[in-house]
Amino acid sequence: MRARMAIAAGLLLLGACGKENPHPTAPADAAATVEAPNVFIYDAELPVPADFEAEAAASIDVTTYKSELDALQKEIGGK
């Protein structure tokens, strides 16, 4: 069984030899490509939930939680 699979794989590889790639991988206009800038973000700069707890505790209560939740869902694209 393994010998048959090896022979079949070899024949497929031989059949593919000499064929040109119909889809070139290089861009048509090399000047149009733009490199992304190197941006470094340090862990200390990333916001975490603890950064917002004091503000949330002061501004969200039983009467305002629904409007705050709706605003957050709208902000992230939900509902």
C-alpha atoms as a PDB file:
ATOM      1  CA  MET A   1       0.000   0.000   0.000  1.00  0.00           C
ATOM      2  CA  ARG A   2       2.790   2.439   0.931  1.00  0.00           C
ATOM      3  CA  ALA A   3       4.710   1.540  -2.214  1.00  0.00           C
ATOM      4  CA  ARG A   4       1.703   2.378  -4.379  1.00  0.00           C
ATOM      5  CA  MET A   5       1.243   5.725  -2.641  1.00  0.00           C
ATOM      6  CA  ALA A   6       4.943   6.543  -3.086  1.00  0.00           C
ATOM      7  CA  ILE A   7       4.812   5.647  -6.781  1.00  0.00           C
ATOM      8  CA  ALA A   8       1.669   7.731  -7.278  1.00  0.00           C
ATOM      9  CA  ALA A   9       3.249  10.713  -5.513  1.00  0.00           C
ATOM     10  CA  GLY A  10       6.371  10.366  -7.637  1.00  0.00           C
ATOM     11  CA  LEU A  11       4.361  10.260 -10.847  1.00  0.00           C
ATOM     12  CA  LEU A  12       2.450  13.366  -9.819  1.00  0.00           C
ATOM     13  CA  LEU A  13       5.697  15.193  -9.135  1.00  0.00           C
ATOM     14  CA  LEU A  14       7.158  14.125 -12.465  1.00  0.00           C
ATOM     15  CA  GLY A  15       4.016  15.247 -14.274  1.00  0.00           C
ATOM     16  CA  ALA A  16       4.289  18.686 -12.709  1.00  0.00           C
ATOM     17  CA  CYS A  17       7.901  19.215 -13.817  1.00  0.00           C
ATOM     18  CA  GLY A  18       8.480  21.714 -16.576  1.00  0.00           C
ATOM     19  CA  LYS A  19       5.126  23.456 -16.276  1.00  0.00           C
ATOM     20  CA  GLU A  20       5.152  27.206 -15.872  1.00  0.00           C
ATOM     21  CA  ASN A  21       3.335  28.806 -12.980  1.00  0.00           C
ATOM     22  CA  PRO A  22       0.228  30.491 -14.469  1.00  0.00           C
ATOM     23  CA  HIS A  23      -0.069  32.716 -11.391  1.00  0.00           C
ATOM     24  CA  PRO A  24       3.057  34.794 -10.780  1.00  0.00           C
ATOM     25  CA  THR A  25       3.702  35.541  -7.130  1.00  0.00           C
ATOM     26  CA  ALA A  26       5.462  38.878  -7.652  1.00  0.00           C
ATOM     27  CA  PRO A  27       3.255  41.992  -7.696  1.00  0.00           C
ATOM     28  CA  ALA A  28       2.738  43.594 -11.108  1.00  0.00           C
ATOM     29  CA  ASP A  29       3.945  46.961  -9.846  1.00  0.00           C
ATOM     30  CA  ALA A  30       6.630  46.631  -7.188  1.00  0.00           C
ATOM     31  CA  ALA A  31       6.484  50.378  -6.468  1.00  0.00           C
ATOM     32  CA  ALA A  32       2.851  50.046  -5.391  1.00  0.00           C
ATOM     33  CA  THR A  33       3.702  47.807  -2.452  1.00  0.00           C
ATOM     34  CA  VAL A  34       3.912  49.540   0.906  1.00  0.00           C
ATOM     35  CA  GLU A  35       5.801  48.217   3.884  1.00  0.00           C
ATOM     36  CA  ALA A  36       4.146  48.413   7.272  1.00  0.00           C
ATOM     37  CA  PRO A  37       5.948  50.619   9.786  1.00  0.00           C
ATOM     38  CA  ASN A  38       7.602  48.981  12.766  1.00  0.00           C
ATOM     39  CA  VAL A  39       5.392  49.732  15.745  1.00  0.00           C
ATOM     40  CA  PHE A  40       6.302  48.464  19.179  1.00  0.00           C
ATOM     41  CA  ILE A  41       3.723  48.244  21.936  1.00  0.00           C
ATOM     42  CA  TYR A  42       4.905  47.427  25.409  1.00  0.00           C
ATOM     43  CA  ASP A  43       2.793  45.368  27.799  1.00  0.00           C
ATOM     44  CA  ALA A  44       2.554  48.285  30.215  1.00  0.00           C
ATOM     45  CA  GLU A  45       0.795  50.355  27.526  1.00  0.00           C
ATOM     46  CA  LEU A  46      -2.041  47.861  26.953  1.00  0.00           C
ATOM     47  CA  PRO A  47      -5.231  48.664  28.859  1.00  0.00           C
ATOM     48  CA  VAL A  48      -6.589  45.962  31.165  1.00  0.00           C
ATOM     49  CA  PRO A  49      -9.968  45.743  32.953  1.00  0.00           C
ATOM     50  CA  ALA A  50      -8.405  46.907  36.226  1.00  0.00           C
ATOM     51  CA  ASP A  51      -7.627  50.248  34.557  1.00  0.00           C
ATOM     52  CA  PHE A  52     -11.353  50.946  34.178  1.00  0.00           C
ATOM     53  CA  GLU A  53     -12.819  49.509  37.391  1.00  0.00           C
ATOM     54  CA  ALA A  54     -12.751  52.724  39.434  1.00  0.00           C
ATOM     55  CA  GLU A  55     -14.356  54.769  36.651  1.00  0.00           C
ATOM     56  CA  ALA A  56     -17.015  52.098  36.041  1.00  0.00           C
ATOM     57  CA  ALA A  57     -17.814  51.780  39.740  1.00  0.00           C
ATOM     58  CA  ALA A  58     -18.322  55.537  39.968  1.00  0.00           C
ATOM     59  CA  SER A  59     -20.431  55.960  36.846  1.00  0.00           C
ATOM     60  CA  ILE A  60     -22.467  52.726  36.545  1.00  0.00           C
ATOM     61  CA  ASP A  61     -25.171  51.839  39.030  1.00  0.00           C
ATOM     62  CA  VAL A  62     -28.489  50.008  39.091  1.00  0.00           C
ATOM     63  CA  THR A  63     -30.302  52.781  37.245  1.00  0.00           C
ATOM     64  CA  THR A  64     -27.731  53.352  34.462  1.00  0.00           C
ATOM     65  CA  TYR A  65     -26.375  49.886  33.708  1.00  0.00           C
ATOM     66  CA  LYS A  66     -28.792  49.209  30.824  1.00  0.00           C
ATOM     67  CA  SER A  67     -27.906  52.396  28.965  1.00  0.00           C
ATOM     68  CA  GLU A  68     -24.176  51.759  29.550  1.00  0.00           C
ATOM     69  CA  LEU A  69     -24.523  48.188  28.263  1.00  0.00           C
ATOM     70  CA  ASP A  70     -26.400  49.376  25.162  1.00  0.00           C
ATOM     71  CA  ALA A  71     -23.692  51.981  24.489  1.00  0.00           C
ATOM     72  CA  LEU A  72     -20.943  49.352  24.793  1.00  0.00           C
ATOM     73  CA  GLN A  73     -22.754  46.920  22.486  1.00  0.00           C
ATOM     74  CA  LYS A  74     -23.244  49.668  19.914  1.00  0.00           C
ATOM     75  CA  GLU A  75     -19.565  50.628  20.185  1.00  0.00           C
ATOM     76  CA  ILE A  76     -18.316  47.085  19.497  1.00  0.00           C
ATOM     77  CA  GLY A  77     -20.810  46.491  16.709  1.00  0.00           C
ATOM     78  CA  GLY A  78     -23.339  44.279  18.462  1.00  0.00           C
ATOM     79  CA  LYS A  79     -27.116  44.724  18.233  1.00  0.00           C
END
